[in-house]
C-alpha atoms as a PDB file:
ATOM      1  CA  UNK A   1      46.658 -33.143 -13.855  1.00  0.00           C
ATOM      2  CA  UNK A   2      42.941 -33.997 -13.347  1.00  0.00           C
ATOM      3  CA  UNK A   3      43.882 -37.503 -12.214  1.00  0.00           C
ATOM      4  CA  UNK A   4      46.307 -36.094  -9.721  1.00  0.00           C
ATOM      5  CA  UNK A   5      43.555 -33.876  -8.300  1.00  0.00           C
ATOM      6  CA  UNK A   6      41.180 -36.899  -7.986  1.00  0.00           C
ATOM      7  CA  UNK A   7      43.891 -38.832  -6.164  1.00  0.00           C
ATOM      8  CA  UNK A   8      44.530 -35.843  -3.878  1.00  0.00           C
ATOM      9  CA  UNK A   9      40.786 -35.590  -3.108  1.00  0.00           C
ATOM     10  CA  UNK A  10      40.755 -39.295  -2.258  1.00  0.00           C
ATOM     11  CA  UNK A  11      43.817 -38.986   0.023  1.00  0.00           C
ATOM     12  CA  UNK A  12      43.069 -35.731   1.738  1.00  0.00           C
ATOM     13  CA  UNK A  13      39.349 -35.320   1.259  1.00  0.00           C
ATOM     14  CA  UNK A  14      37.890 -32.143   2.777  1.00  0.00           C
ATOM     15  CA  UNK A  15      41.236 -30.398   3.043  1.00  0.00           C
ATOM     16  CA  UNK A  16      41.886 -30.672  -0.703  1.00  0.00           C
ATOM     17  CA  UNK A  17      38.340 -29.690  -1.604  1.00  0.00           C
ATOM     18  CA  UNK A  18      38.483 -26.667   0.714  1.00  0.00           C
ATOM     19  CA  UNK A  19      41.749 -25.509  -0.805  1.00  0.00           C
ATOM     20  CA  UNK A  20      40.521 -26.026  -4.334  1.00  0.00           C
ATOM     21  CA  UNK A  21      37.220 -24.222  -3.875  1.00  0.00           C
ATOM     22  CA  UNK A  22      38.830 -21.415  -1.844  1.00  0.00           C
ATOM     23  CA  UNK A  23      41.199 -20.761  -4.720  1.00  0.00           C
ATOM     24  CA  UNK A  24      38.322 -21.054  -7.236  1.00  0.00           C
ATOM     25  CA  UNK A  25      36.032 -18.571  -5.560  1.00  0.00           C
ATOM     26  CA  UNK A  26      38.849 -16.219  -4.598  1.00  0.00           C
ATOM     27  CA  UNK A  27      40.041 -16.033  -8.196  1.00  0.00           C
ATOM     28  CA  UNK A  28      36.441 -15.883  -9.577  1.00  0.00           C
ATOM     29  CA  UNK A  29      35.500 -12.943  -7.292  1.00  0.00           C
ATOM     30  CA  UNK A  30      38.843 -11.244  -7.972  1.00  0.00           C
ATOM     31  CA  UNK A  31      38.308 -11.434 -11.715  1.00  0.00           C
ATOM     32  CA  UNK A  32      34.710 -10.109 -11.265  1.00  0.00           C
ATOM     33  CA  UNK A  33      35.895  -7.104  -9.326  1.00  0.00           C
ATOM     34  CA  UNK A  34      38.753  -6.476 -11.750  1.00  0.00           C
ATOM     35  CA  UNK A  35      36.348  -6.554 -14.725  1.00  0.00           C
ATOM     36  CA  UNK A  36      33.798  -4.426 -12.881  1.00  0.00           C
ATOM     37  CA  UNK A  37      36.503  -1.924 -12.054  1.00  0.00           C
ATOM     38  CA  UNK A  38      37.241  -1.298 -15.686  1.00  0.00           C
ATOM     39  CA  UNK A  39      39.671  -3.966 -16.815  1.00  0.00           C
ATOM     40  CA  UNK A  40      38.160  -5.198 -20.088  1.00  0.00           C
ATOM     41  CA  UNK A  41      39.288  -8.539 -21.545  1.00  0.00           C
ATOM     42  CA  UNK A  42      39.713  -8.632 -25.321  1.00  0.00           C
ATOM     43  CA  UNK A  43      37.685 -10.924 -27.503  1.00  0.00           C
ATOM     44  CA  UNK A  44      34.401 -12.671 -26.985  1.00  0.00           C
ATOM     45  CA  UNK A  45      34.690 -12.621 -23.203  1.00  0.00           C
ATOM     46  CA  UNK A  46      34.712  -8.829 -23.294  1.00  0.00           C
ATOM     47  CA  UNK A  47      31.250  -8.687 -24.914  1.00  0.00           C
ATOM     48  CA  UNK A  48      29.408 -10.736 -22.239  1.00  0.00           C
ATOM     49  CA  UNK A  49      28.465  -9.867 -18.708  1.00  0.00           C
ATOM     50  CA  UNK A  50      31.055  -9.381 -15.973  1.00  0.00           C
ATOM     51  CA  UNK A  51      30.141 -12.600 -14.193  1.00  0.00           C
ATOM     52  CA  UNK A  52      30.431 -14.675 -17.345  1.00  0.00           C
ATOM     53  CA  UNK A  53      33.695 -12.999 -18.244  1.00  0.00           C
ATOM     54  CA  UNK A  54      34.974 -13.691 -14.734  1.00  0.00           C
ATOM     55  CA  UNK A  55      33.951 -17.351 -15.029  1.00  0.00           C
ATOM     56  CA  UNK A  56      35.722 -17.738 -18.395  1.00  0.00           C
ATOM     57  CA  UNK A  57      38.843 -16.106 -17.012  1.00  0.00           C
ATOM     58  CA  UNK A  58      38.690 -18.344 -13.939  1.00  0.00           C
ATOM     59  CA  UNK A  59      38.367 -21.469 -16.121  1.00  0.00           C
ATOM     60  CA  UNK A  60      41.474 -20.391 -18.005  1.00  0.00           C
ATOM     61  CA  UNK A  61      43.402 -20.477 -14.705  1.00  0.00           C
ATOM     62  CA  UNK A  62      42.193 -24.025 -13.919  1.00  0.00           C
ATOM     63  CA  UNK A  63      45.608 -25.738 -14.612  1.00  0.00           C
ATOM     64  CA  UNK A  64      47.224 -23.228 -12.282  1.00  0.00           C
ATOM     65  CA  UNK A  65      44.600 -23.726  -9.604  1.00  0.00           C
ATOM     66  CA  UNK A  66      44.985 -27.506  -9.789  1.00  0.00           C
ATOM     67  CA  UNK A  67      48.746 -27.189  -9.568  1.00  0.00           C
ATOM     68  CA  UNK A  68      48.436 -24.888  -6.541  1.00  0.00           C
ATOM     69  CA  UNK A  69      46.004 -27.326  -4.919  1.00  0.00           C
ATOM     70  CA  UNK A  70      48.373 -30.231  -5.503  1.00  0.00           C
ATOM     71  CA  UNK A  71      51.269 -28.284  -3.983  1.00  0.00           C
ATOM     72  CA  UNK A  72      49.402 -26.732  -0.998  1.00  0.00           C
ATOM     73  CA  UNK A  73      47.184 -29.629   0.163  1.00  0.00           C
ATOM     74  CA  UNK A  74      49.910 -31.791   1.759  1.00  0.00           C
ATOM     75  CA  UNK A  75      51.452 -28.720   3.454  1.00  0.00           C
ATOM     76  CA  UNK A  76      48.147 -27.451   4.803  1.00  0.00           C
ATOM     77  CA  UNK A  77      47.175 -30.946   5.877  1.00  0.00           C
ATOM     78  CA  UNK A  78      50.419 -31.357   7.859  1.00  0.00           C
ATOM     79  CA  UNK A  79      49.937 -27.963   9.501  1.00  0.00           C
ATOM     80  CA  UNK A  80      46.315 -28.791  10.375  1.00  0.00           C
ATOM     81  CA  UNK A  81      47.380 -32.136  11.812  1.00  0.00           C
ATOM     82  CA  UNK A  82      50.037 -30.437  14.004  1.00  0.00           C
ATOM     83  CA  UNK A  83      47.509 -27.908  15.220  1.00  0.00           C
ATOM     84  CA  UNK A  84      45.006 -30.637  15.971  1.00  0.00           C
ATOM     85  CA  UNK A  85      47.580 -32.688  17.868  1.00  0.00           C
ATOM     86  CA  UNK A  86      48.559 -29.694  20.008  1.00  0.00           C
ATOM     87  CA  UNK A  87      44.988 -28.691  20.808  1.00  0.00           C
ATOM     88  CA  UNK A  88      43.728 -32.268  21.316  1.00  0.00           C
ATOM     89  CA  UNK A  89      42.072 -33.403  24.503  1.00  0.00           C
ATOM     90  CA  UNK A  90      44.248 -33.083  27.556  1.00  0.00           C
ATOM     91  CA  UNK A  91      45.238 -36.208  29.317  1.00  0.00           C
ATOM     92  CA  UNK A  92      43.493 -36.757  32.662  1.00  0.00           C
ATOM     93  CA  UNK A  93      45.563 -35.652  35.625  1.00  0.00           C
ATOM     94  CA  UNK A  94      46.855 -38.443  37.834  1.00  0.00           C
ATOM     95  CA  UNK A  95      45.136 -38.473  41.147  1.00  0.00           C
END
């Protein structure tokens, strides 16, 4: 799956990186707030700080985040391209 992500980054560049890091930080912050709100993970992660526990939980979701990135990047890239084509520079008016 990691090789697929590297190929995706090579093909789509900033779009793939933006999607991956948006998912990463969204999940990381979500886990932090969940842990801070009282949800306590069992095991070693439950005995460390909330940020560390959130990071560990986020790392456990890495295969899912990579899969979501692989699925979403081509779709988002096509939508972005369509939006860019519609809002591109207007052709000069014929005089």
